[in-house]
Amino acid sequence: YARYSLPFNISIFGTKLGTKIVIINSIFAFLGDLF
C-alpha cells in the first residue's frame, strides 16, 4: 500500500486525505485476507 496505493491516492486526493484513504483501505484489505 505504501509503494503503490499511497503515491496514487496522494496524487489524486492530496497528502492528508490520500494517506487517510490508504490506511482505511489497507485495514479492511488486511482483515479480508486474514478471513
PDB file of all heavy atoms in Angstrom:
ATOM      1  N   TYR A   1       0.831  -1.201   0.000  1.00  0.00           N
ATOM      2  CA  TYR A   1       0.000   0.000   0.000  1.00  0.00           C
ATOM      3  C   TYR A   1       0.863   1.247   0.000  1.00  0.00           C
ATOM      4  O   TYR A   1       0.519   2.250  -0.634  1.00  0.00           O
ATOM      5  CB  TYR A   1      -0.950  -0.007   1.205  1.00  0.00           C
ATOM      6  CG  TYR A   1      -2.264  -0.671   0.917  1.00  0.00           C
ATOM      7  CD1 TYR A   1      -2.413  -2.050   1.068  1.00  0.00           C
ATOM      8  CD2 TYR A   1      -3.361   0.051   0.469  1.00  0.00           C
ATOM      9  CE1 TYR A   1      -3.622  -2.681   0.792  1.00  0.00           C
ATOM     10  CE2 TYR A   1      -4.572  -0.558   0.201  1.00  0.00           C
ATOM     11  CZ  TYR A   1      -4.692  -1.922   0.360  1.00  0.00           C
ATOM     12  OH  TYR A   1      -5.886  -2.545   0.071  1.00  0.00           O
ATOM     13  N   ALA A   2       2.002   1.176   0.701  1.00  0.00           N
ATOM     14  CA  ALA A   2       2.905   2.327   0.729  1.00  0.00           C
ATOM     15  C   ALA A   2       3.578   2.536  -0.620  1.00  0.00           C
ATOM     16  O   ALA A   2       3.812   3.662  -1.064  1.00  0.00           O
ATOM     17  CB  ALA A   2       3.959   2.130   1.818  1.00  0.00           C
ATOM     18  N   ARG A   3       3.883   1.436  -1.309  1.00  0.00           N
ATOM     19  CA  ARG A   3       4.613   1.521  -2.572  1.00  0.00           C
ATOM     20  C   ARG A   3       3.717   1.916  -3.742  1.00  0.00           C
ATOM     21  O   ARG A   3       4.132   2.645  -4.635  1.00  0.00           O
ATOM     22  CB  ARG A   3       5.280   0.176  -2.860  1.00  0.00           C
ATOM     23  CG  ARG A   3       6.222   0.188  -4.051  1.00  0.00           C
ATOM     24  CD  ARG A   3       6.798  -1.180  -4.312  1.00  0.00           C
ATOM     25  NE  ARG A   3       7.508  -1.695  -3.160  1.00  0.00           N
ATOM     26  CZ  ARG A   3       7.991  -2.945  -3.076  1.00  0.00           C
ATOM     27  NH1 ARG A   3       7.810  -3.777  -4.081  1.00  0.00           N
ATOM     28  NH2 ARG A   3       8.627  -3.338  -2.005  1.00  0.00           N
ATOM     29  N   TYR A   4       2.493   1.406  -3.750  1.00  0.00           N
ATOM     30  CA  TYR A   4       1.634   1.623  -4.916  1.00  0.00           C
ATOM     31  C   TYR A   4       0.442   2.542  -4.637  1.00  0.00           C
ATOM     32  O   TYR A   4       0.224   3.520  -5.340  1.00  0.00           O
ATOM     33  CB  TYR A   4       1.122   0.264  -5.433  1.00  0.00           C
ATOM     34  CG  TYR A   4       2.235  -0.690  -5.785  1.00  0.00           C
ATOM     35  CD1 TYR A   4       2.473  -1.823  -5.015  1.00  0.00           C
ATOM     36  CD2 TYR A   4       3.061  -0.459  -6.877  1.00  0.00           C
ATOM     37  CE1 TYR A   4       3.501  -2.708  -5.328  1.00  0.00           C
ATOM     38  CE2 TYR A   4       4.087  -1.331  -7.205  1.00  0.00           C
ATOM     39  CZ  TYR A   4       4.300  -2.451  -6.430  1.00  0.00           C
ATOM     40  OH  TYR A   4       5.321  -3.309  -6.734  1.00  0.00           O
ATOM     41  N   SER A   5      -0.335   2.223  -3.611  1.00  0.00           N
ATOM     42  CA  SER A   5      -1.564   2.973  -3.360  1.00  0.00           C
ATOM     43  C   SER A   5      -1.304   4.384  -2.850  1.00  0.00           C
ATOM     44  O   SER A   5      -2.009   5.320  -3.222  1.00  0.00           O
ATOM     45  CB  SER A   5      -2.451   2.219  -2.355  1.00  0.00           C
ATOM     46  OG  SER A   5      -2.862   0.986  -2.886  1.00  0.00           O
ATOM     47  N   LEU A   6      -0.307   4.518  -1.966  1.00  0.00           N
ATOM     48  CA  LEU A   6      -0.050   5.820  -1.364  1.00  0.00           C
ATOM     49  C   LEU A   6       0.308   6.892  -2.393  1.00  0.00           C
ATOM     50  O   LEU A   6      -0.299   7.972  -2.394  1.00  0.00           O
ATOM     51  CB  LEU A   6       1.039   5.704  -0.299  1.00  0.00           C
ATOM     52  CG  LEU A   6       1.216   6.917   0.622  1.00  0.00           C
ATOM     53  CD1 LEU A   6      -0.066   7.187   1.399  1.00  0.00           C
ATOM     54  CD2 LEU A   6       2.374   6.676   1.599  1.00  0.00           C
ATOM     55  N   PRO A   7       1.271   6.644  -3.292  1.00  0.00           N
ATOM     56  CA  PRO A   7       1.584   7.669  -4.302  1.00  0.00           C
ATOM     57  C   PRO A   7       0.379   8.027  -5.172  1.00  0.00           C
ATOM     58  O   PRO A   7       0.157   9.205  -5.481  1.00  0.00           O
ATOM     59  CB  PRO A   7       2.692   7.011  -5.133  1.00  0.00           C
ATOM     60  CG  PRO A   7       3.299   6.012  -4.228  1.00  0.00           C
ATOM     61  CD  PRO A   7       2.166   5.484  -3.409  1.00  0.00           C
ATOM     62  N   PHE A   8      -0.404   7.005  -5.550  1.00  0.00           N
ATOM     63  CA  PHE A   8      -1.566   7.247  -6.407  1.00  0.00           C
ATOM     64  C   PHE A   8      -2.619   8.087  -5.691  1.00  0.00           C
ATOM     65  O   PHE A   8      -3.111   9.091  -6.226  1.00  0.00           O
ATOM     66  CB  PHE A   8      -2.178   5.914  -6.847  1.00  0.00           C
ATOM     67  CG  PHE A   8      -3.498   6.056  -7.565  1.00  0.00           C
ATOM     68  CD1 PHE A   8      -3.539   6.497  -8.880  1.00  0.00           C
ATOM     69  CD2 PHE A   8      -4.691   5.764  -6.927  1.00  0.00           C
ATOM     70  CE1 PHE A   8      -4.747   6.636  -9.547  1.00  0.00           C
ATOM     71  CE2 PHE A   8      -5.900   5.900  -7.576  1.00  0.00           C
ATOM     72  CZ  PHE A   8      -5.926   6.340  -8.896  1.00  0.00           C
ATOM     73  N   ASN A   9      -2.970   7.690  -4.463  1.00  0.00           N
ATOM     74  CA  ASN A   9      -4.015   8.401  -3.732  1.00  0.00           C
ATOM     75  C   ASN A   9      -3.596   9.803  -3.325  1.00  0.00           C
ATOM     76  O   ASN A   9      -4.419  10.727  -3.315  1.00  0.00           O
ATOM     77  CB  ASN A   9      -4.436   7.588  -2.499  1.00  0.00           C
ATOM     78  CG  ASN A   9      -5.395   6.467  -2.838  1.00  0.00           C
ATOM     79  OD1 ASN A   9      -6.592   6.670  -3.009  1.00  0.00           O
ATOM     80  ND2 ASN A   9      -4.855   5.263  -2.961  1.00  0.00           N
ATOM     81  N   ILE A  10      -2.325   9.971  -2.984  1.00  0.00           N
ATOM     82  CA  ILE A  10      -1.835  11.311  -2.651  1.00  0.00           C
ATOM     83  C   ILE A  10      -1.888  12.214  -3.875  1.00  0.00           C
ATOM     84  O   ILE A  10      -2.247  13.393  -3.780  1.00  0.00           O
ATOM     85  CB  ILE A  10      -0.403  11.242  -2.078  1.00  0.00           C
ATOM     86  CG1 ILE A  10      -0.439  10.692  -0.653  1.00  0.00           C
ATOM     87  CG2 ILE A  10       0.252  12.623  -2.083  1.00  0.00           C
ATOM     88  CD1 ILE A  10       0.922  10.531  -0.013  1.00  0.00           C
ATOM     89  N   SER A  11      -1.545  11.658  -5.035  1.00  0.00           N
ATOM     90  CA  SER A  11      -1.591  12.453  -6.269  1.00  0.00           C
ATOM     91  C   SER A  11      -3.020  12.831  -6.635  1.00  0.00           C
ATOM     92  O   SER A  11      -3.260  13.867  -7.258  1.00  0.00           O
ATOM     93  CB  SER A  11      -0.942  11.682  -7.420  1.00  0.00           C
ATOM     94  OG  SER A  11      -1.700  10.521  -7.744  1.00  0.00           O
ATOM     95  N   ILE A  12      -3.980  12.002  -6.235  1.00  0.00           N
ATOM     96  CA  ILE A  12      -5.387  12.254  -6.558  1.00  0.00           C
ATOM     97  C   ILE A  12      -6.058  13.132  -5.504  1.00  0.00           C
ATOM     98  O   ILE A  12      -6.730  14.121  -5.829  1.00  0.00           O
ATOM     99  CB  ILE A  12      -6.166  10.923  -6.685  1.00  0.00           C
ATOM    100  CG1 ILE A  12      -5.668  10.112  -7.877  1.00  0.00           C
ATOM    101  CG2 ILE A  12      -7.668  11.185  -6.812  1.00  0.00           C
ATOM    102  CD1 ILE A  12      -6.036  10.668  -9.225  1.00  0.00           C
ATOM    103  N   PHE A  13      -5.853  12.809  -4.224  1.00  0.00           N
ATOM    104  CA  PHE A  13      -6.608  13.463  -3.158  1.00  0.00           C
ATOM    105  C   PHE A  13      -5.789  14.392  -2.267  1.00  0.00           C
ATOM    106  O   PHE A  13      -6.342  15.026  -1.376  1.00  0.00           O
ATOM    107  CB  PHE A  13      -7.276  12.401  -2.268  1.00  0.00           C
ATOM    108  CG  PHE A  13      -8.257  11.527  -2.990  1.00  0.00           C
ATOM    109  CD1 PHE A  13      -7.957  10.203  -3.264  1.00  0.00           C
ATOM    110  CD2 PHE A  13      -9.478  12.032  -3.402  1.00  0.00           C
ATOM    111  CE1 PHE A  13      -8.858   9.383  -3.930  1.00  0.00           C
ATOM    112  CE2 PHE A  13     -10.393  11.230  -4.068  1.00  0.00           C
ATOM    113  CZ  PHE A  13     -10.083   9.914  -4.341  1.00  0.00           C
ATOM    114  N   GLY A  14      -4.486  14.447  -2.471  1.00  0.00           N
ATOM    115  CA  GLY A  14      -3.649  15.252  -1.589  1.00  0.00           C
ATOM    116  C   GLY A  14      -3.073  14.408  -0.463  1.00  0.00           C
ATOM    117  O   GLY A  14      -3.514  13.278  -0.216  1.00  0.00           O
ATOM    118  N   THR A  15      -2.110  14.950   0.250  1.00  0.00           N
ATOM    119  CA  THR A  15      -1.370  14.176   1.259  1.00  0.00           C
ATOM    120  C   THR A  15      -2.249  13.686   2.406  1.00  0.00           C
ATOM    121  O   THR A  15      -2.258  12.494   2.732  1.00  0.00           O
ATOM    122  CB  THR A  15      -0.213  15.018   1.833  1.00  0.00           C
ATOM    123  OG1 THR A  15       0.625  15.455   0.764  1.00  0.00           O
ATOM    124  CG2 THR A  15       0.604  14.192   2.814  1.00  0.00           C
ATOM    125  N   LYS A  16      -2.995  14.583   3.033  1.00  0.00           N
ATOM    126  CA  LYS A  16      -3.766  14.228   4.221  1.00  0.00           C
ATOM    127  C   LYS A  16      -4.881  13.231   3.919  1.00  0.00           C
ATOM    128  O   LYS A  16      -4.949  12.151   4.524  1.00  0.00           O
ATOM    129  CB  LYS A  16      -4.358  15.493   4.846  1.00  0.00           C
ATOM    130  CG  LYS A  16      -5.081  15.239   6.161  1.00  0.00           C
ATOM    131  CD  LYS A  16      -5.602  16.547   6.748  1.00  0.00           C
ATOM    132  CE  LYS A  16      -6.367  16.303   8.050  1.00  0.00           C
ATOM    133  NZ  LYS A  16      -6.886  17.568   8.619  1.00  0.00           N
ATOM    134  N   LEU A  17      -5.764  13.579   2.988  1.00  0.00           N
ATOM    135  CA  LEU A  17      -6.887  12.704   2.671  1.00  0.00           C
ATOM    136  C   LEU A  17      -6.404  11.432   1.978  1.00  0.00           C
ATOM    137  O   LEU A  17      -6.918  10.336   2.244  1.00  0.00           O
ATOM    138  CB  LEU A  17      -7.891  13.435   1.774  1.00  0.00           C
ATOM    139  CG  LEU A  17      -9.126  12.630   1.361  1.00  0.00           C
ATOM    140  CD1 LEU A  17      -9.902  12.170   2.587  1.00  0.00           C
ATOM    141  CD2 LEU A  17     -10.023  13.461   0.441  1.00  0.00           C
ATOM    142  N   GLY A  18      -5.409  11.553   1.087  1.00  0.00           N
ATOM    143  CA  GLY A  18      -4.878  10.386   0.387  1.00  0.00           C
ATOM    144  C   GLY A  18      -4.311   9.365   1.354  1.00  0.00           C
ATOM    145  O   GLY A  18      -4.546   8.149   1.214  1.00  0.00           O
ATOM    146  N   THR A  19      -3.564   9.835   2.363  1.00  0.00           N
ATOM    147  CA  THR A  19      -2.992   8.937   3.369  1.00  0.00           C
ATOM    148  C   THR A  19      -4.084   8.275   4.194  1.00  0.00           C
ATOM    149  O   THR A  19      -4.025   7.073   4.493  1.00  0.00           O
ATOM    150  CB  THR A  19      -2.044   9.715   4.309  1.00  0.00           C
ATOM    151  OG1 THR A  19      -1.014  10.336   3.532  1.00  0.00           O
ATOM    152  CG2 THR A  19      -1.427   8.789   5.337  1.00  0.00           C
ATOM    153  N   LYS A  20      -5.093   9.045   4.568  1.00  0.00           N
ATOM    154  CA  LYS A  20      -6.213   8.513   5.348  1.00  0.00           C
ATOM    155  C   LYS A  20      -6.947   7.411   4.568  1.00  0.00           C
ATOM    156  O   LYS A  20      -7.296   6.366   5.129  1.00  0.00           O
ATOM    157  CB  LYS A  20      -7.183   9.642   5.701  1.00  0.00           C
ATOM    158  CG  LYS A  20      -8.276   9.234   6.672  1.00  0.00           C
ATOM    159  CD  LYS A  20      -9.244  10.378   6.931  1.00  0.00           C
ATOM    160  CE  LYS A  20      -8.558  11.536   7.630  1.00  0.00           C
ATOM    161  NZ  LYS A  20      -9.536  12.599   7.980  1.00  0.00           N
ATOM    162  N   ILE A  21      -7.161   7.639   3.287  1.00  0.00           N
ATOM    163  CA  ILE A  21      -7.847   6.658   2.439  1.00  0.00           C
ATOM    164  C   ILE A  21      -7.039   5.364   2.338  1.00  0.00           C
ATOM    165  O   ILE A  21      -7.584   4.257   2.417  1.00  0.00           O
ATOM    166  CB  ILE A  21      -8.105   7.244   1.037  1.00  0.00           C
ATOM    167  CG1 ILE A  21      -9.250   8.271   1.112  1.00  0.00           C
ATOM    168  CG2 ILE A  21      -8.448   6.148   0.027  1.00  0.00           C
ATOM    169  CD1 ILE A  21      -9.491   9.013  -0.183  1.00  0.00           C
ATOM    170  N   VAL A  22      -5.731   5.497   2.181  1.00  0.00           N
ATOM    171  CA  VAL A  22      -4.861   4.324   2.071  1.00  0.00           C
ATOM    172  C   VAL A  22      -4.887   3.507   3.363  1.00  0.00           C
ATOM    173  O   VAL A  22      -4.982   2.273   3.331  1.00  0.00           O
ATOM    174  CB  VAL A  22      -3.417   4.742   1.734  1.00  0.00           C
ATOM    175  CG1 VAL A  22      -2.464   3.557   1.884  1.00  0.00           C
ATOM    176  CG2 VAL A  22      -3.342   5.274   0.313  1.00  0.00           C
ATOM    177  N   ILE A  23      -4.808   4.176   4.508  1.00  0.00           N
ATOM    178  CA  ILE A  23      -4.803   3.483   5.797  1.00  0.00           C
ATOM    179  C   ILE A  23      -6.109   2.720   6.011  1.00  0.00           C
ATOM    180  O   ILE A  23      -6.105   1.539   6.394  1.00  0.00           O
ATOM    181  CB  ILE A  23      -4.582   4.487   6.949  1.00  0.00           C
ATOM    182  CG1 ILE A  23      -3.155   5.047   6.887  1.00  0.00           C
ATOM    183  CG2 ILE A  23      -4.829   3.816   8.299  1.00  0.00           C
ATOM    184  CD1 ILE A  23      -2.894   6.163   7.881  1.00  0.00           C
ATOM    185  N   ILE A  24      -7.227   3.376   5.750  1.00  0.00           N
ATOM    186  CA  ILE A  24      -8.542   2.738   5.937  1.00  0.00           C
ATOM    187  C   ILE A  24      -8.705   1.541   5.010  1.00  0.00           C
ATOM    188  O   ILE A  24      -9.146   0.457   5.426  1.00  0.00           O
ATOM    189  CB  ILE A  24      -9.672   3.764   5.708  1.00  0.00           C
ATOM    190  CG1 ILE A  24      -9.655   4.815   6.821  1.00  0.00           C
ATOM    191  CG2 ILE A  24     -11.036   3.057   5.671  1.00  0.00           C
ATOM    192  CD1 ILE A  24     -10.605   5.967   6.595  1.00  0.00           C
ATOM    193  N   ASN A  25      -8.331   1.712   3.751  1.00  0.00           N
ATOM    194  CA  ASN A  25      -8.456   0.615   2.788  1.00  0.00           C
ATOM    195  C   ASN A  25      -7.529  -0.549   3.133  1.00  0.00           C
ATOM    196  O   ASN A  25      -7.902  -1.720   2.969  1.00  0.00           O
ATOM    197  CB  ASN A  25      -8.169   1.118   1.372  1.00  0.00           C
ATOM    198  CG  ASN A  25      -9.385   1.714   0.704  1.00  0.00           C
ATOM    199  OD1 ASN A  25     -10.123   1.020   0.008  1.00  0.00           O
ATOM    200  ND2 ASN A  25      -9.621   2.998   0.919  1.00  0.00           N
ATOM    201  N   SER A  26      -6.336  -0.246   3.605  1.00  0.00           N
ATOM    202  CA  SER A  26      -5.378  -1.302   3.932  1.00  0.00           C
ATOM    203  C   SER A  26      -5.857  -2.128   5.124  1.00  0.00           C
ATOM    204  O   SER A  26      -5.654  -3.342   5.159  1.00  0.00           O
ATOM    205  CB  SER A  26      -3.996  -0.708   4.222  1.00  0.00           C
ATOM    206  OG  SER A  26      -4.022   0.118   5.379  1.00  0.00           O
ATOM    207  N   ILE A  27      -6.495  -1.480   6.075  1.00  0.00           N
ATOM    208  CA  ILE A  27      -7.016  -2.198   7.247  1.00  0.00           C
ATOM    209  C   ILE A  27      -8.080  -3.205   6.837  1.00  0.00           C
ATOM    210  O   ILE A  27      -8.058  -4.377   7.243  1.00  0.00           O
ATOM    211  CB  ILE A  27      -7.584  -1.207   8.282  1.00  0.00           C
ATOM    212  CG1 ILE A  27      -6.444  -0.422   8.937  1.00  0.00           C
ATOM    213  CG2 ILE A  27      -8.396  -1.954   9.354  1.00  0.00           C
ATOM    214  CD1 ILE A  27      -6.907   0.703   9.834  1.00  0.00           C
ATOM    215  N   PHE A  28      -9.028  -2.767   6.012  1.00  0.00           N
ATOM    216  CA  PHE A  28     -10.103  -3.677   5.579  1.00  0.00           C
ATOM    217  C   PHE A  28      -9.578  -4.766   4.646  1.00  0.00           C
ATOM    218  O   PHE A  28     -10.069  -5.901   4.672  1.00  0.00           O
ATOM    219  CB  PHE A  28     -11.229  -2.885   4.920  1.00  0.00           C
ATOM    220  CG  PHE A  28     -12.127  -2.186   5.900  1.00  0.00           C
ATOM    221  CD1 PHE A  28     -12.014  -0.823   6.127  1.00  0.00           C
ATOM    222  CD2 PHE A  28     -13.079  -2.892   6.613  1.00  0.00           C
ATOM    223  CE1 PHE A  28     -12.830  -0.172   7.036  1.00  0.00           C
ATOM    224  CE2 PHE A  28     -13.907  -2.260   7.540  1.00  0.00           C
ATOM    225  CZ  PHE A  28     -13.780  -0.899   7.744  1.00  0.00           C
ATOM    226  N   ALA A  29      -8.584  -4.440   3.824  1.00  0.00           N
ATOM    227  CA  ALA A  29      -7.968  -5.452   2.962  1.00  0.00           C
ATOM    228  C   ALA A  29      -7.252  -6.504   3.809  1.00  0.00           C
ATOM    229  O   ALA A  29      -7.312  -7.703   3.521  1.00  0.00           O
ATOM    230  CB  ALA A  29      -6.991  -4.790   1.997  1.00  0.00           C
ATOM    231  N   PHE A  30      -6.568  -6.051   4.847  1.00  0.00           N
ATOM    232  CA  PHE A  30      -5.861  -6.942   5.769  1.00  0.00           C
ATOM    233  C   PHE A  30      -6.847  -7.908   6.437  1.00  0.00           C
ATOM    234  O   PHE A  30      -6.599  -9.122   6.511  1.00  0.00           O
ATOM    235  CB  PHE A  30      -5.139  -6.093   6.816  1.00  0.00           C
ATOM    236  CG  PHE A  30      -4.411  -6.893   7.855  1.00  0.00           C
ATOM    237  CD1 PHE A  30      -3.184  -7.462   7.589  1.00  0.00           C
ATOM    238  CD2 PHE A  30      -4.960  -7.061   9.120  1.00  0.00           C
ATOM    239  CE1 PHE A  30      -2.509  -8.195   8.550  1.00  0.00           C
ATOM    240  CE2 PHE A  30      -4.293  -7.787  10.093  1.00  0.00           C
ATOM    241  CZ  PHE A  30      -3.069  -8.365   9.810  1.00  0.00           C
ATOM    242  N   LEU A  31      -7.968  -7.383   6.916  1.00  0.00           N
ATOM    243  CA  LEU A  31      -8.978  -8.218   7.556  1.00  0.00           C
ATOM    244  C   LEU A  31      -9.561  -9.225   6.572  1.00  0.00           C
ATOM    245  O   LEU A  31      -9.801 -10.380   6.922  1.00  0.00           O
ATOM    246  CB  LEU A  31     -10.090  -7.343   8.132  1.00  0.00           C
ATOM    247  CG  LEU A  31      -9.703  -6.433   9.304  1.00  0.00           C
ATOM    248  CD1 LEU A  31     -10.864  -5.512   9.665  1.00  0.00           C
ATOM    249  CD2 LEU A  31      -9.277  -7.266  10.507  1.00  0.00           C
ATOM    250  N   GLY A  32      -9.773  -8.788   5.328  1.00  0.00           N
ATOM    251  CA  GLY A  32     -10.307  -9.676   4.309  1.00  0.00           C
ATOM    252  C   GLY A  32      -9.364 -10.826   3.999  1.00  0.00           C
ATOM    253  O   GLY A  32      -9.794 -11.983   3.862  1.00  0.00           O
ATOM    254  N   ASP A  33      -8.069 -10.539   3.886  1.00  0.00           N
ATOM    255  CA  ASP A  33      -7.083 -11.589   3.608  1.00  0.00           C
ATOM    256  C   ASP A  33      -6.986 -12.576   4.772  1.00  0.00           C
ATOM    257  O   ASP A  33      -6.871 -13.786   4.551  1.00  0.00           O
ATOM    258  CB  ASP A  33      -5.701 -10.964   3.355  1.00  0.00           C
ATOM    259  CG  ASP A  33      -5.620 -10.295   1.991  1.00  0.00           C
ATOM    260  OD1 ASP A  33      -6.255 -10.805   1.050  1.00  0.00           O
ATOM    261  OD2 ASP A  33      -4.939  -9.262   1.869  1.00  0.00           O
ATOM    262  N   LEU A  34      -7.021 -12.066   5.997  1.00  0.00           N
ATOM    263  CA  LEU A  34      -6.979 -12.946   7.164  1.00  0.00           C
ATOM    264  C   LEU A  34      -8.181 -13.889   7.189  1.00  0.00           C
ATOM    265  O   LEU A  34      -8.046 -15.086   7.469  1.00  0.00           O
ATOM    266  CB  LEU A  34      -6.953 -12.117   8.450  1.00  0.00           C
ATOM    267  CG  LEU A  34      -5.606 -11.536   8.885  1.00  0.00           C
ATOM    268  CD1 LEU A  34      -5.781 -10.738  10.165  1.00  0.00           C
ATOM    269  CD2 LEU A  34      -4.571 -12.631   9.075  1.00  0.00           C
ATOM    270  N   PHE A  35      -9.343 -13.356   6.904  1.00  0.00           N
ATOM    271  CA  PHE A  35     -10.553 -14.179   6.867  1.00  0.00           C
ATOM    272  C   PHE A  35     -10.433 -15.247   5.774  1.00  0.00           C
ATOM    273  O   PHE A  35     -10.836 -16.396   5.972  1.00  0.00           O
ATOM    274  CB  PHE A  35     -11.780 -13.309   6.614  1.00  0.00           C
ATOM    275  CG  PHE A  35     -13.063 -14.096   6.502  1.00  0.00           C
ATOM    276  CD1 PHE A  35     -13.710 -14.548   7.642  1.00  0.00           C
ATOM    277  CD2 PHE A  35     -13.607 -14.393   5.257  1.00  0.00           C
ATOM    278  CE1 PHE A  35     -14.879 -15.276   7.546  1.00  0.00           C
ATOM    279  CE2 PHE A  35     -14.779 -15.126   5.158  1.00  0.00           C
ATOM    280  CZ  PHE A  35     -15.421 -15.570   6.301  1.00  0.00           C
TER     281      PHE A  35
END
